[in-house]
């Protein structure tokens, strides 16, 4: 069974940077993404990469601050986060699908079959 293993979460101060990584235990995917869920809120899309051509999608709330990249060497997905603020506090989960999703579909969690356990990101002074 495929597992997605996230790493890189932690406690940081406002304005700090953090990098999250997601490594699949096996295989490659059509699209990989990051979602997050803050306490008391619904899960929301953060970023995605379509593996074949590297096309990326970013939620409006993180544009200009977060960057998402694929690493073909180990099929991992990386999320570089800068300018973090308390509103970014959440559990960040990696998701993957065998489908190569068009841009309008990448932010919809129902299209992703595989999910990681999540990693906590806390931004607090």
PDB file of N, CA and C in Angstrom:
ATOM      1  N   UNK A   1       0.837  -1.187   0.000  1.00  0.00           N
ATOM      2  CA  UNK A   1       0.000   0.000   0.000  1.00  0.00           C
ATOM      3  C   UNK A   1       0.879   1.247   0.000  1.00  0.00           C
ATOM      4  N   UNK A   2       0.542   2.178  -0.859  1.00  0.00           N
ATOM      5  CA  UNK A   2       1.331   3.392  -0.977  1.00  0.00           C
ATOM      6  C   UNK A   2       1.164   4.258   0.263  1.00  0.00           C
ATOM      7  N   UNK A   3       2.271   4.764   0.768  1.00  0.00           N
ATOM      8  CA  UNK A   3       2.234   5.708   1.875  1.00  0.00           C
ATOM      9  C   UNK A   3       2.875   7.015   1.442  1.00  0.00           C
ATOM     10  N   UNK A   4       2.312   8.103   1.932  1.00  0.00           N
ATOM     11  CA  UNK A   4       2.894   9.419   1.709  1.00  0.00           C
ATOM     12  C   UNK A   4       3.404   9.904   3.059  1.00  0.00           C
ATOM     13  N   UNK A   5       4.671  10.202   3.124  1.00  0.00           N
ATOM     14  CA  UNK A   5       5.287  10.569   4.398  1.00  0.00           C
ATOM     15  C   UNK A   5       5.701  12.023   4.357  1.00  0.00           C
ATOM     16  N   UNK A   6       5.058  12.830   5.212  1.00  0.00           N
ATOM     17  CA  UNK A   6       5.389  14.247   5.281  1.00  0.00           C
ATOM     18  C   UNK A   6       6.455  14.506   6.336  1.00  0.00           C
ATOM     19  N   UNK A   7       7.224  15.542   6.118  1.00  0.00           N
ATOM     20  CA  UNK A   7       8.225  15.951   7.099  1.00  0.00           C
ATOM     21  C   UNK A   7       8.439  17.455   6.984  1.00  0.00           C
ATOM     22  N   UNK A   8       9.005  18.034   8.053  1.00  0.00           N
ATOM     23  CA  UNK A   8       9.392  19.436   7.999  1.00  0.00           C
ATOM     24  C   UNK A   8       8.529  20.388   8.797  1.00  0.00           C
ATOM     25  N   UNK A   9       7.468  19.900   9.408  1.00  0.00           N
ATOM     26  CA  UNK A   9       6.629  20.782  10.199  1.00  0.00           C
ATOM     27  C   UNK A   9       7.327  21.228  11.472  1.00  0.00           C
ATOM     28  N   UNK A  10       6.706  22.184  12.164  1.00  0.00           N
ATOM     29  CA  UNK A  10       7.288  22.640  13.416  1.00  0.00           C
ATOM     30  C   UNK A  10       6.673  23.932  13.898  1.00  0.00           C
ATOM     31  N   UNK A  11       7.291  24.472  14.940  1.00  0.00           N
ATOM     32  CA  UNK A  11       6.856  25.731  15.534  1.00  0.00           C
ATOM     33  C   UNK A  11       7.809  26.839  15.089  1.00  0.00           C
ATOM     34  N   UNK A  12       7.262  27.872  14.482  1.00  0.00           N
ATOM     35  CA  UNK A  12       8.071  28.990  14.016  1.00  0.00           C
ATOM     36  C   UNK A  12       7.413  30.299  14.412  1.00  0.00           C
ATOM     37  N   UNK A  13       8.173  31.375  14.267  1.00  0.00           N
ATOM     38  CA  UNK A  13       7.658  32.708  14.594  1.00  0.00           C
ATOM     39  C   UNK A  13       7.117  33.388  13.335  1.00  0.00           C
ATOM     40  N   UNK A  14       6.233  34.349  13.494  1.00  0.00           N
ATOM     41  CA  UNK A  14       5.743  35.093  12.316  1.00  0.00           C
ATOM     42  C   UNK A  14       6.901  35.667  11.511  1.00  0.00           C
ATOM     43  N   UNK A  15       6.797  35.515  10.212  1.00  0.00           N
ATOM     44  CA  UNK A  15       7.846  35.982   9.318  1.00  0.00           C
ATOM     45  C   UNK A  15       8.887  34.935   8.975  1.00  0.00           C
ATOM     46  N   UNK A  16       8.907  33.854   9.716  1.00  0.00           N
ATOM     47  CA  UNK A  16       9.883  32.787   9.462  1.00  0.00           C
ATOM     48  C   UNK A  16       9.528  31.984   8.221  1.00  0.00           C
ATOM     49  N   UNK A  17      10.473  31.121   7.845  1.00  0.00           N
ATOM     50  CA  UNK A  17      10.293  30.222   6.713  1.00  0.00           C
ATOM     51  C   UNK A  17      10.342  28.786   7.178  1.00  0.00           C
ATOM     52  N   UNK A  18       9.742  27.910   6.378  1.00  0.00           N
ATOM     53  CA  UNK A  18       9.719  26.488   6.697  1.00  0.00           C
ATOM     54  C   UNK A  18       9.557  25.722   5.389  1.00  0.00           C
ATOM     55  N   UNK A  19      10.159  24.552   5.318  1.00  0.00           N
ATOM     56  CA  UNK A  19      10.026  23.720   4.127  1.00  0.00           C
ATOM     57  C   UNK A  19       9.414  22.385   4.507  1.00  0.00           C
ATOM     58  N   UNK A  20       8.356  22.018   3.812  1.00  0.00           N
ATOM     59  CA  UNK A  20       7.720  20.716   3.990  1.00  0.00           C
ATOM     60  C   UNK A  20       8.081  19.811   2.824  1.00  0.00           C
ATOM     61  N   UNK A  21       8.233  18.539   3.116  1.00  0.00           N
ATOM     62  CA  UNK A  21       8.494  17.556   2.077  1.00  0.00           C
ATOM     63  C   UNK A  21       7.521  16.398   2.197  1.00  0.00           C
ATOM     64  N   UNK A  22       7.199  15.824   1.064  1.00  0.00           N
ATOM     65  CA  UNK A  22       6.317  14.656   1.017  1.00  0.00           C
ATOM     66  C   UNK A  22       6.972  13.609   0.134  1.00  0.00           C
ATOM     67  N   UNK A  23       7.253  12.469   0.727  1.00  0.00           N
ATOM     68  CA  UNK A  23       7.915  11.404  -0.022  1.00  0.00           C
ATOM     69  C   UNK A  23       7.003  10.182  -0.121  1.00  0.00           C
ATOM     70  N   UNK A  24       6.695   9.731  -1.313  1.00  0.00           N
ATOM     71  CA  UNK A  24       5.888   8.515  -1.455  1.00  0.00           C
ATOM     72  C   UNK A  24       6.749   7.281  -1.212  1.00  0.00           C
ATOM     73  N   UNK A  25       6.131   6.256  -0.645  1.00  0.00           N
ATOM     74  CA  UNK A  25       6.876   5.016  -0.376  1.00  0.00           C
ATOM     75  C   UNK A  25       7.192   4.264  -1.660  1.00  0.00           C
ATOM     76  N   UNK A  26       6.393   4.503  -2.684  1.00  0.00           N
ATOM     77  CA  UNK A  26       6.625   3.845  -3.968  1.00  0.00           C
ATOM     78  C   UNK A  26       5.817   4.557  -5.042  1.00  0.00           C
ATOM     79  N   UNK A  27       6.234   4.319  -6.270  1.00  0.00           N
ATOM     80  CA  UNK A  27       5.447   4.770  -7.400  1.00  0.00           C
ATOM     81  C   UNK A  27       5.555   6.244  -7.721  1.00  0.00           C
ATOM     82  N   UNK A  28       4.929   6.576  -8.817  1.00  0.00           N
ATOM     83  CA  UNK A  28       4.829   7.968  -9.228  1.00  0.00           C
ATOM     84  C   UNK A  28       3.357   8.292  -9.435  1.00  0.00           C
ATOM     85  N   UNK A  29       3.054   9.574  -9.458  1.00  0.00           N
ATOM     86  CA  UNK A  29       1.674  10.012  -9.531  1.00  0.00           C
ATOM     87  C   UNK A  29       1.468  11.031 -10.633  1.00  0.00           C
ATOM     88  N   UNK A  30       0.216  11.227 -10.992  1.00  0.00           N
ATOM     89  CA  UNK A  30      -0.096  12.237 -11.994  1.00  0.00           C
ATOM     90  C   UNK A  30      -0.077  13.636 -11.419  1.00  0.00           C
ATOM     91  N   UNK A  31      -0.573  13.764 -10.195  1.00  0.00           N
ATOM     92  CA  UNK A  31      -0.637  15.052  -9.528  1.00  0.00           C
ATOM     93  C   UNK A  31      -0.419  14.846  -8.036  1.00  0.00           C
ATOM     94  N   UNK A  32       0.349  15.758  -7.435  1.00  0.00           N
ATOM     95  CA  UNK A  32       0.530  15.749  -5.986  1.00  0.00           C
ATOM     96  C   UNK A  32       0.210  17.131  -5.456  1.00  0.00           C
ATOM     97  N   UNK A  33      -0.252  17.170  -4.218  1.00  0.00           N
ATOM     98  CA  UNK A  33      -0.729  18.442  -3.677  1.00  0.00           C
ATOM     99  C   UNK A  33      -0.532  18.525  -2.175  1.00  0.00           C
ATOM    100  N   UNK A  34      -0.651  19.736  -1.680  1.00  0.00           N
ATOM    101  CA  UNK A  34      -0.699  20.017  -0.249  1.00  0.00           C
ATOM    102  C   UNK A  34      -2.049  20.636   0.086  1.00  0.00           C
ATOM    103  N   UNK A  35      -2.654  20.119   1.135  1.00  0.00           N
ATOM    104  CA  UNK A  35      -3.845  20.706   1.721  1.00  0.00           C
ATOM    105  C   UNK A  35      -3.531  21.013   3.187  1.00  0.00           C
ATOM    106  N   UNK A  36      -4.331  21.852   3.797  1.00  0.00           N
ATOM    107  CA  UNK A  36      -4.149  22.134   5.217  1.00  0.00           C
ATOM    108  C   UNK A  36      -5.493  22.282   5.905  1.00  0.00           C
ATOM    109  N   UNK A  37      -5.463  22.010   7.195  1.00  0.00           N
ATOM    110  CA  UNK A  37      -6.683  22.149   7.981  1.00  0.00           C
ATOM    111  C   UNK A  37      -6.346  22.775   9.319  1.00  0.00           C
ATOM    112  N   UNK A  38      -6.914  23.924   9.549  1.00  0.00           N
ATOM    113  CA  UNK A  38      -6.729  24.627  10.818  1.00  0.00           C
ATOM    114  C   UNK A  38      -7.812  24.183  11.796  1.00  0.00           C
ATOM    115  N   UNK A  39      -7.573  24.327  13.075  1.00  0.00           N
ATOM    116  CA  UNK A  39      -8.565  23.920  14.064  1.00  0.00           C
ATOM    117  C   UNK A  39      -9.913  24.593  13.832  1.00  0.00           C
ATOM    118  N   UNK A  40     -10.959  23.795  13.788  1.00  0.00           N
ATOM    119  CA  UNK A  40     -12.291  24.327  13.628  1.00  0.00           C
ATOM    120  C   UNK A  40     -12.649  24.773  12.227  1.00  0.00           C
ATOM    121  N   UNK A  41     -11.760  24.503  11.274  1.00  0.00           N
ATOM    122  CA  UNK A  41     -12.015  24.923   9.899  1.00  0.00           C
ATOM    123  C   UNK A  41     -11.994  23.733   8.952  1.00  0.00           C
ATOM    124  N   UNK A  42     -12.561  23.931   7.768  1.00  0.00           N
ATOM    125  CA  UNK A  42     -12.535  22.884   6.753  1.00  0.00           C
ATOM    126  C   UNK A  42     -11.142  22.776   6.142  1.00  0.00           C
ATOM    127  N   UNK A  43     -10.868  21.614   5.574  1.00  0.00           N
ATOM    128  CA  UNK A  43      -9.610  21.439   4.858  1.00  0.00           C
ATOM    129  C   UNK A  43      -9.601  22.344   3.634  1.00  0.00           C
ATOM    130  N   UNK A  44      -8.451  22.947   3.374  1.00  0.00           N
ATOM    131  CA  UNK A  44      -8.353  23.839   2.223  1.00  0.00           C
ATOM    132  C   UNK A  44      -7.111  23.521   1.404  1.00  0.00           C
ATOM    133  N   UNK A  45      -7.220  23.790   0.141  1.00  0.00           N
ATOM    134  CA  UNK A  45      -6.126  23.572  -0.805  1.00  0.00           C
ATOM    135  C   UNK A  45      -5.027  24.592  -0.577  1.00  0.00           C
ATOM    136  N   UNK A  46      -3.780  24.135  -0.739  1.00  0.00           N
ATOM    137  CA  UNK A  46      -2.637  25.027  -0.626  1.00  0.00           C
ATOM    138  C   UNK A  46      -1.880  25.127  -1.946  1.00  0.00           C
ATOM    139  N   UNK A  47      -1.454  23.962  -2.469  1.00  0.00           N
ATOM    140  CA  UNK A  47      -0.622  23.976  -3.669  1.00  0.00           C
ATOM    141  C   UNK A  47      -0.625  22.596  -4.313  1.00  0.00           C
ATOM    142  N   UNK A  48      -0.327  22.564  -5.611  1.00  0.00           N
ATOM    143  CA  UNK A  48      -0.276  21.290  -6.327  1.00  0.00           C
ATOM    144  C   UNK A  48       0.694  21.369  -7.491  1.00  0.00           C
ATOM    145  N   UNK A  49       1.185  20.202  -7.873  1.00  0.00           N
ATOM    146  CA  UNK A  49       2.045  20.072  -9.046  1.00  0.00           C
ATOM    147  C   UNK A  49       1.548  18.924  -9.901  1.00  0.00           C
ATOM    148  N   UNK A  50       1.383  19.179 -11.186  1.00  0.00           N
ATOM    149  CA  UNK A  50       1.095  18.099 -12.126  1.00  0.00           C
ATOM    150  C   UNK A  50       2.446  17.540 -12.560  1.00  0.00           C
ATOM    151  N   UNK A  51       2.624  16.246 -12.309  1.00  0.00           N
ATOM    152  CA  UNK A  51       3.963  15.681 -12.415  1.00  0.00           C
ATOM    153  C   UNK A  51       4.536  15.710 -13.821  1.00  0.00           C
ATOM    154  N   UNK A  52       3.740  15.444 -14.809  1.00  0.00           N
ATOM    155  CA  UNK A  52       4.257  15.300 -16.164  1.00  0.00           C
ATOM    156  C   UNK A  52       4.944  16.543 -16.693  1.00  0.00           C
ATOM    157  N   UNK A  53       4.312  17.694 -16.543  1.00  0.00           N
ATOM    158  CA  UNK A  53       4.869  18.922 -17.093  1.00  0.00           C
ATOM    159  C   UNK A  53       5.278  19.917 -16.028  1.00  0.00           C
ATOM    160  N   UNK A  54       5.083  19.562 -14.756  1.00  0.00           N
ATOM    161  CA  UNK A  54       5.498  20.454 -13.691  1.00  0.00           C
ATOM    162  C   UNK A  54       4.595  21.646 -13.472  1.00  0.00           C
ATOM    163  N   UNK A  55       3.420  21.645 -14.094  1.00  0.00           N
ATOM    164  CA  UNK A  55       2.496  22.770 -13.916  1.00  0.00           C
ATOM    165  C   UNK A  55       2.089  22.875 -12.459  1.00  0.00           C
ATOM    166  N   UNK A  56       2.090  24.084 -11.948  1.00  0.00           N
ATOM    167  CA  UNK A  56       1.790  24.286 -10.526  1.00  0.00           C
ATOM    168  C   UNK A  56       0.520  25.104 -10.329  1.00  0.00           C
ATOM    169  N   UNK A  57      -0.073  24.915  -9.167  1.00  0.00           N
ATOM    170  CA  UNK A  57      -1.221  25.703  -8.737  1.00  0.00           C
ATOM    171  C   UNK A  57      -0.991  26.111  -7.293  1.00  0.00           C
ATOM    172  N   UNK A  58      -1.379  27.334  -6.973  1.00  0.00           N
ATOM    173  CA  UNK A  58      -1.231  27.833  -5.612  1.00  0.00           C
ATOM    174  C   UNK A  58      -2.519  28.522  -5.192  1.00  0.00           C
ATOM    175  N   UNK A  59      -2.909  28.306  -3.952  1.00  0.00           N
ATOM    176  CA  UNK A  59      -4.055  29.019  -3.411  1.00  0.00           C
ATOM    177  C   UNK A  59      -3.740  30.507  -3.353  1.00  0.00           C
ATOM    178  N   UNK A  60      -4.758  31.312  -3.531  1.00  0.00           N
ATOM    179  CA  UNK A  60      -4.545  32.758  -3.560  1.00  0.00           C
ATOM    180  C   UNK A  60      -3.933  33.251  -2.250  1.00  0.00           C
ATOM    181  N   UNK A  61      -4.291  32.618  -1.148  1.00  0.00           N
ATOM    182  CA  UNK A  61      -3.825  33.075   0.157  1.00  0.00           C
ATOM    183  C   UNK A  61      -2.327  32.874   0.374  1.00  0.00           C
ATOM    184  N   UNK A  62      -1.692  32.043  -0.453  1.00  0.00           N
ATOM    185  CA  UNK A  62      -0.266  31.772  -0.253  1.00  0.00           C
ATOM    186  C   UNK A  62       0.601  32.236  -1.410  1.00  0.00           C
ATOM    187  N   UNK A  63       0.000  32.749  -2.460  1.00  0.00           N
ATOM    188  CA  UNK A  63       0.785  33.210  -3.607  1.00  0.00           C
ATOM    189  C   UNK A  63       1.736  34.328  -3.192  1.00  0.00           C
ATOM    190  N   UNK A  64       2.941  34.228  -3.711  1.00  0.00           N
ATOM    191  CA  UNK A  64       3.953  35.209  -3.351  1.00  0.00           C
ATOM    192  C   UNK A  64       4.712  34.846  -2.094  1.00  0.00           C
ATOM    193  N   UNK A  65       4.216  33.862  -1.344  1.00  0.00           N
ATOM    194  CA  UNK A  65       4.883  33.433  -0.121  1.00  0.00           C
ATOM    195  C   UNK A  65       5.316  31.970  -0.176  1.00  0.00           C
ATOM    196  N   UNK A  66       4.508  31.139  -0.776  1.00  0.00           N
ATOM    197  CA  UNK A  66       4.795  29.706  -0.845  1.00  0.00           C
ATOM    198  C   UNK A  66       5.201  29.328  -2.270  1.00  0.00           C
ATOM    199  N   UNK A  67       6.084  28.353  -2.356  1.00  0.00           N
ATOM    200  CA  UNK A  67       6.498  27.794  -3.640  1.00  0.00           C
ATOM    201  C   UNK A  67       6.407  26.279  -3.549  1.00  0.00           C
ATOM    202  N   UNK A  68       5.856  25.657  -4.587  1.00  0.00           N
ATOM    203  CA  UNK A  68       5.743  24.200  -4.610  1.00  0.00           C
ATOM    204  C   UNK A  68       6.568  23.661  -5.771  1.00  0.00           C
ATOM    205  N   UNK A  69       7.309  22.613  -5.495  1.00  0.00           N
ATOM    206  CA  UNK A  69       8.177  22.024  -6.527  1.00  0.00           C
ATOM    207  C   UNK A  69       8.172  20.505  -6.405  1.00  0.00           C
ATOM    208  N   UNK A  70       8.372  19.862  -7.511  1.00  0.00           N
ATOM    209  CA  UNK A  70       8.572  18.421  -7.543  1.00  0.00           C
ATOM    210  C   UNK A  70      10.065  18.138  -7.570  1.00  0.00           C
ATOM    211  N   UNK A  71      10.432  17.006  -7.014  1.00  0.00           N
ATOM    212  CA  UNK A  71      11.813  16.559  -7.068  1.00  0.00           C
ATOM    213  C   UNK A  71      11.801  15.213  -7.772  1.00  0.00           C
ATOM    214  N   UNK A  72      12.231  15.224  -9.012  1.00  0.00           N
ATOM    215  CA  UNK A  72      12.170  13.999  -9.801  1.00  0.00           C
ATOM    216  C   UNK A  72      13.133  12.933  -9.292  1.00  0.00           C
ATOM    217  N   UNK A  73      14.143  13.327  -8.570  1.00  0.00           N
ATOM    218  CA  UNK A  73      15.140  12.363  -8.102  1.00  0.00           C
ATOM    219  C   UNK A  73      14.518  11.311  -7.182  1.00  0.00           C
ATOM    220  N   UNK A  74      13.608  11.765  -6.312  1.00  0.00           N
ATOM    221  CA  UNK A  74      12.983  10.811  -5.395  1.00  0.00           C
ATOM    222  C   UNK A  74      11.466  10.905  -5.405  1.00  0.00           C
ATOM    223  N   UNK A  75      10.925  11.569  -6.426  1.00  0.00           N
ATOM    224  CA  UNK A  75       9.475  11.720  -6.587  1.00  0.00           C
ATOM    225  C   UNK A  75       8.820  12.425  -5.410  1.00  0.00           C
ATOM    226  N   UNK A  76       9.564  13.270  -4.747  1.00  0.00           N
ATOM    227  CA  UNK A  76       9.000  13.957  -3.589  1.00  0.00           C
ATOM    228  C   UNK A  76       8.428  15.314  -4.000  1.00  0.00           C
ATOM    229  N   UNK A  77       7.558  15.801  -3.154  1.00  0.00           N
ATOM    230  CA  UNK A  77       6.915  17.091  -3.360  1.00  0.00           C
ATOM    231  C   UNK A  77       7.346  18.025  -2.231  1.00  0.00           C
ATOM    232  N   UNK A  78       7.840  19.187  -2.578  1.00  0.00           N
ATOM    233  CA  UNK A  78       8.334  20.115  -1.578  1.00  0.00           C
ATOM    234  C   UNK A  78       7.525  21.396  -1.570  1.00  0.00           C
ATOM    235  N   UNK A  79       7.273  21.901  -0.373  1.00  0.00           N
ATOM    236  CA  UNK A  79       6.553  23.154  -0.210  1.00  0.00           C
ATOM    237  C   UNK A  79       7.437  24.099   0.593  1.00  0.00           C
ATOM    238  N   UNK A  80       7.929  25.120  -0.066  1.00  0.00           N
ATOM    239  CA  UNK A  80       8.747  26.125   0.607  1.00  0.00           C
ATOM    240  C   UNK A  80       7.828  27.253   1.038  1.00  0.00           C
ATOM    241  N   UNK A  81       7.795  27.508   2.335  1.00  0.00           N
ATOM    242  CA  UNK A  81       6.899  28.523   2.883  1.00  0.00           C
ATOM    243  C   UNK A  81       7.714  29.657   3.473  1.00  0.00           C
ATOM    244  N   UNK A  82       7.436  30.856   3.059  1.00  0.00           N
ATOM    245  CA  UNK A  82       8.101  32.039   3.602  1.00  0.00           C
ATOM    246  C   UNK A  82       7.048  33.018   4.100  1.00  0.00           C
ATOM    247  N   UNK A  83       7.486  33.987   4.877  1.00  0.00           N
ATOM    248  CA  UNK A  83       6.557  34.987   5.379  1.00  0.00           C
ATOM    249  C   UNK A  83       5.383  34.393   6.137  1.00  0.00           C
ATOM    250  N   UNK A  84       5.659  33.366   6.922  1.00  0.00           N
ATOM    251  CA  UNK A  84       4.577  32.690   7.635  1.00  0.00           C
ATOM    252  C   UNK A  84       3.905  33.598   8.647  1.00  0.00           C
ATOM    253  N   UNK A  85       2.607  33.440   8.788  1.00  0.00           N
ATOM    254  CA  UNK A  85       1.846  34.204   9.764  1.00  0.00           C
ATOM    255  C   UNK A  85       0.928  33.257  10.532  1.00  0.00           C
ATOM    256  N   UNK A  86       0.366  33.709  11.642  1.00  0.00           N
ATOM    257  CA  UNK A  86      -0.452  32.799  12.467  1.00  0.00           C
ATOM    258  C   UNK A  86      -1.605  32.148  11.707  1.00  0.00           C
ATOM    259  N   UNK A  87      -2.096  32.805  10.660  1.00  0.00           N
ATOM    260  CA  UNK A  87      -3.189  32.221   9.877  1.00  0.00           C
ATOM    261  C   UNK A  87      -2.745  30.994   9.090  1.00  0.00           C
ATOM    262  N   UNK A  88      -1.442  30.775   8.990  1.00  0.00           N
ATOM    263  CA  UNK A  88      -0.930  29.585   8.310  1.00  0.00           C
ATOM    264  C   UNK A  88      -0.860  28.377   9.239  1.00  0.00           C
ATOM    265  N   UNK A  89      -1.156  28.571  10.493  1.00  0.00           N
ATOM    266  CA  UNK A  89      -1.136  27.459  11.448  1.00  0.00           C
ATOM    267  C   UNK A  89      -2.182  26.418  11.077  1.00  0.00           C
ATOM    268  N   UNK A  90      -1.739  25.188  10.901  1.00  0.00           N
ATOM    269  CA  UNK A  90      -2.642  24.114  10.475  1.00  0.00           C
ATOM    270  C   UNK A  90      -1.882  22.799  10.422  1.00  0.00           C
ATOM    271  N   UNK A  91      -2.627  21.736  10.234  1.00  0.00           N
ATOM    272  CA  UNK A  91      -2.014  20.456   9.867  1.00  0.00           C
ATOM    273  C   UNK A  91      -1.954  20.414   8.356  1.00  0.00           C
ATOM    274  N   UNK A  92      -0.753  20.244   7.839  1.00  0.00           N
ATOM    275  CA  UNK A  92      -0.536  20.200   6.403  1.00  0.00           C
ATOM    276  C   UNK A  92      -0.444  18.738   5.953  1.00  0.00           C
ATOM    277  N   UNK A  93      -1.260  18.384   4.972  1.00  0.00           N
ATOM    278  CA  UNK A  93      -1.304  17.007   4.494  1.00  0.00           C
ATOM    279  C   UNK A  93      -0.952  16.941   3.022  1.00  0.00           C
ATOM    280  N   UNK A  94      -0.176  15.928   2.700  1.00  0.00           N
ATOM    281  CA  UNK A  94       0.186  15.662   1.316  1.00  0.00           C
ATOM    282  C   UNK A  94      -0.872  14.752   0.703  1.00  0.00           C
ATOM    283  N   UNK A  95      -1.187  14.992  -0.560  1.00  0.00           N
ATOM    284  CA  UNK A  95      -2.167  14.179  -1.270  1.00  0.00           C
ATOM    285  C   UNK A  95      -1.638  13.850  -2.654  1.00  0.00           C
ATOM    286  N   UNK A  96      -2.087  12.722  -3.183  1.00  0.00           N
ATOM    287  CA  UNK A  96      -1.620  12.317  -4.504  1.00  0.00           C
ATOM    288  C   UNK A  96      -2.720  11.570  -5.244  1.00  0.00           C
ATOM    289  N   UNK A  97      -2.652  11.670  -6.553  1.00  0.00           N
ATOM    290  CA  UNK A  97      -3.580  10.957  -7.409  1.00  0.00           C
ATOM    291  C   UNK A  97      -2.836  10.439  -8.633  1.00  0.00           C
ATOM    292  N   UNK A  98      -3.323   9.367  -9.185  1.00  0.00           N
ATOM    293  CA  UNK A  98      -2.727   8.852 -10.413  1.00  0.00           C
ATOM    294  C   UNK A  98      -3.154   9.680 -11.620  1.00  0.00           C
ATOM    295  N   UNK A  99      -4.153  10.491 -11.457  1.00  0.00           N
ATOM    296  CA  UNK A  99      -4.669  11.330 -12.544  1.00  0.00           C
ATOM    297  C   UNK A  99      -3.831  12.593 -12.721  1.00  0.00           C
ATOM    298  N   UNK A 100      -3.700  12.978 -13.973  1.00  0.00           N
ATOM    299  CA  UNK A 100      -3.030  14.234 -14.301  1.00  0.00           C
ATOM    300  C   UNK A 100      -4.117  15.297 -14.376  1.00  0.00           C
ATOM    301  N   UNK A 101      -4.256  16.054 -13.309  1.00  0.00           N
ATOM    302  CA  UNK A 101      -5.395  16.951 -13.165  1.00  0.00           C
ATOM    303  C   UNK A 101      -5.192  18.285 -13.867  1.00  0.00           C
ATOM    304  N   UNK A 102      -6.278  18.756 -14.480  1.00  0.00           N
ATOM    305  CA  UNK A 102      -6.229  20.101 -15.031  1.00  0.00           C
ATOM    306  C   UNK A 102      -6.286  21.104 -13.881  1.00  0.00           C
ATOM    307  N   UNK A 103      -5.954  22.331 -14.193  1.00  0.00           N
ATOM    308  CA  UNK A 103      -5.813  23.323 -13.136  1.00  0.00           C
ATOM    309  C   UNK A 103      -7.087  23.483 -12.306  1.00  0.00           C
ATOM    310  N   UNK A 104      -8.226  23.472 -12.966  1.00  0.00           N
ATOM    311  CA  UNK A 104      -9.478  23.709 -12.249  1.00  0.00           C
ATOM    312  C   UNK A 104      -9.849  22.580 -11.299  1.00  0.00           C
ATOM    313  N   UNK A 105      -9.178  21.438 -11.431  1.00  0.00           N
ATOM    314  CA  UNK A 105      -9.491  20.290 -10.580  1.00  0.00           C
ATOM    315  C   UNK A 105      -8.488  20.090  -9.449  1.00  0.00           C
ATOM    316  N   UNK A 106      -7.338  20.701  -9.558  1.00  0.00           N
ATOM    317  CA  UNK A 106      -6.265  20.404  -8.613  1.00  0.00           C
ATOM    318  C   UNK A 106      -6.594  20.824  -7.189  1.00  0.00           C
ATOM    319  N   UNK A 107      -7.489  21.760  -7.003  1.00  0.00           N
ATOM    320  CA  UNK A 107      -7.773  22.226  -5.647  1.00  0.00           C
ATOM    321  C   UNK A 107      -8.926  21.468  -5.001  1.00  0.00           C
ATOM    322  N   UNK A 108      -9.392  20.413  -5.652  1.00  0.00           N
ATOM    323  CA  UNK A 108     -10.526  19.653  -5.144  1.00  0.00           C
ATOM    324  C   UNK A 108     -10.035  18.361  -4.502  1.00  0.00           C
ATOM    325  N   UNK A 109     -10.212  18.241  -3.195  1.00  0.00           N
ATOM    326  CA  UNK A 109      -9.630  17.094  -2.500  1.00  0.00           C
ATOM    327  C   UNK A 109     -10.289  15.764  -2.876  1.00  0.00           C
ATOM    328  N   UNK A 110     -11.440  15.784  -3.464  1.00  0.00           N
ATOM    329  CA  UNK A 110     -12.104  14.520  -3.809  1.00  0.00           C
ATOM    330  C   UNK A 110     -11.401  13.782  -4.946  1.00  0.00           C
ATOM    331  N   UNK A 111     -10.503  14.452  -5.657  1.00  0.00           N
ATOM    332  CA  UNK A 111      -9.800  13.812  -6.768  1.00  0.00           C
ATOM    333  C   UNK A 111      -8.528  13.087  -6.333  1.00  0.00           C
ATOM    334  N   UNK A 112      -8.181  13.171  -5.074  1.00  0.00           N
ATOM    335  CA  UNK A 112      -6.930  12.583  -4.597  1.00  0.00           C
ATOM    336  C   UNK A 112      -7.225  11.293  -3.832  1.00  0.00           C
ATOM    337  N   UNK A 113      -6.565  10.197  -4.253  1.00  0.00           N
ATOM    338  CA  UNK A 113      -6.817   8.887  -3.648  1.00  0.00           C
ATOM    339  C   UNK A 113      -5.911   8.585  -2.457  1.00  0.00           C
ATOM    340  N   UNK A 114      -4.762   9.204  -2.436  1.00  0.00           N
ATOM    341  CA  UNK A 114      -3.777   8.874  -1.407  1.00  0.00           C
ATOM    342  C   UNK A 114      -3.504  10.098  -0.545  1.00  0.00           C
ATOM    343  N   UNK A 115      -3.393   9.847   0.755  1.00  0.00           N
ATOM    344  CA  UNK A 115      -3.188  10.941   1.706  1.00  0.00           C
ATOM    345  C   UNK A 115      -2.142  10.559   2.745  1.00  0.00           C
ATOM    346  N   UNK A 116      -1.351  11.553   3.136  1.00  0.00           N
ATOM    347  CA  UNK A 116      -0.417  11.352   4.233  1.00  0.00           C
ATOM    348  C   UNK A 116      -1.089  11.601   5.564  1.00  0.00           C
ATOM    349  N   UNK A 117      -0.348  11.373   6.640  1.00  0.00           N
ATOM    350  CA  UNK A 117      -0.881  11.553   7.986  1.00  0.00           C
ATOM    351  C   UNK A 117      -0.931  13.016   8.404  1.00  0.00           C
ATOM    352  N   UNK A 118      -0.142  13.838   7.758  1.00  0.00           N
ATOM    353  CA  UNK A 118      -0.141  15.255   8.089  1.00  0.00           C
ATOM    354  C   UNK A 118       1.011  15.640   9.000  1.00  0.00           C
ATOM    355  N   UNK A 119       1.408  16.896   8.886  1.00  0.00           N
ATOM    356  CA  UNK A 119       2.460  17.432   9.746  1.00  0.00           C
ATOM    357  C   UNK A 119       2.010  18.804  10.259  1.00  0.00           C
ATOM    358  N   UNK A 120       2.233  19.035  11.525  1.00  0.00           N
ATOM    359  CA  UNK A 120       1.746  20.262  12.161  1.00  0.00           C
ATOM    360  C   UNK A 120       2.684  21.421  11.882  1.00  0.00           C
ATOM    361  N   UNK A 121       2.096  22.527  11.472  1.00  0.00           N
ATOM    362  CA  UNK A 121       2.824  23.787  11.336  1.00  0.00           C
ATOM    363  C   UNK A 121       2.151  24.793  12.265  1.00  0.00           C
ATOM    364  N   UNK A 122       2.920  25.346  13.179  1.00  0.00           N
ATOM    365  CA  UNK A 122       2.398  26.324  14.114  1.00  0.00           C
ATOM    366  C   UNK A 122       3.213  27.601  14.006  1.00  0.00           C
ATOM    367  N   UNK A 123       2.517  28.707  13.773  1.00  0.00           N
ATOM    368  CA  UNK A 123       3.174  30.006  13.669  1.00  0.00           C
ATOM    369  C   UNK A 123       2.693  30.860  14.830  1.00  0.00           C
ATOM    370  N   UNK A 124       3.615  31.153  15.722  1.00  0.00           N
ATOM    371  CA  UNK A 124       3.235  31.876  16.932  1.00  0.00           C
ATOM    372  C   UNK A 124       4.423  32.652  17.469  1.00  0.00           C
ATOM    373  N   UNK A 125       4.128  33.815  18.017  1.00  0.00           N
ATOM    374  CA  UNK A 125       5.185  34.601  18.641  1.00  0.00           C
ATOM    375  C   UNK A 125       5.308  34.252  20.125  1.00  0.00           C
TER     376      UNK A 125
END
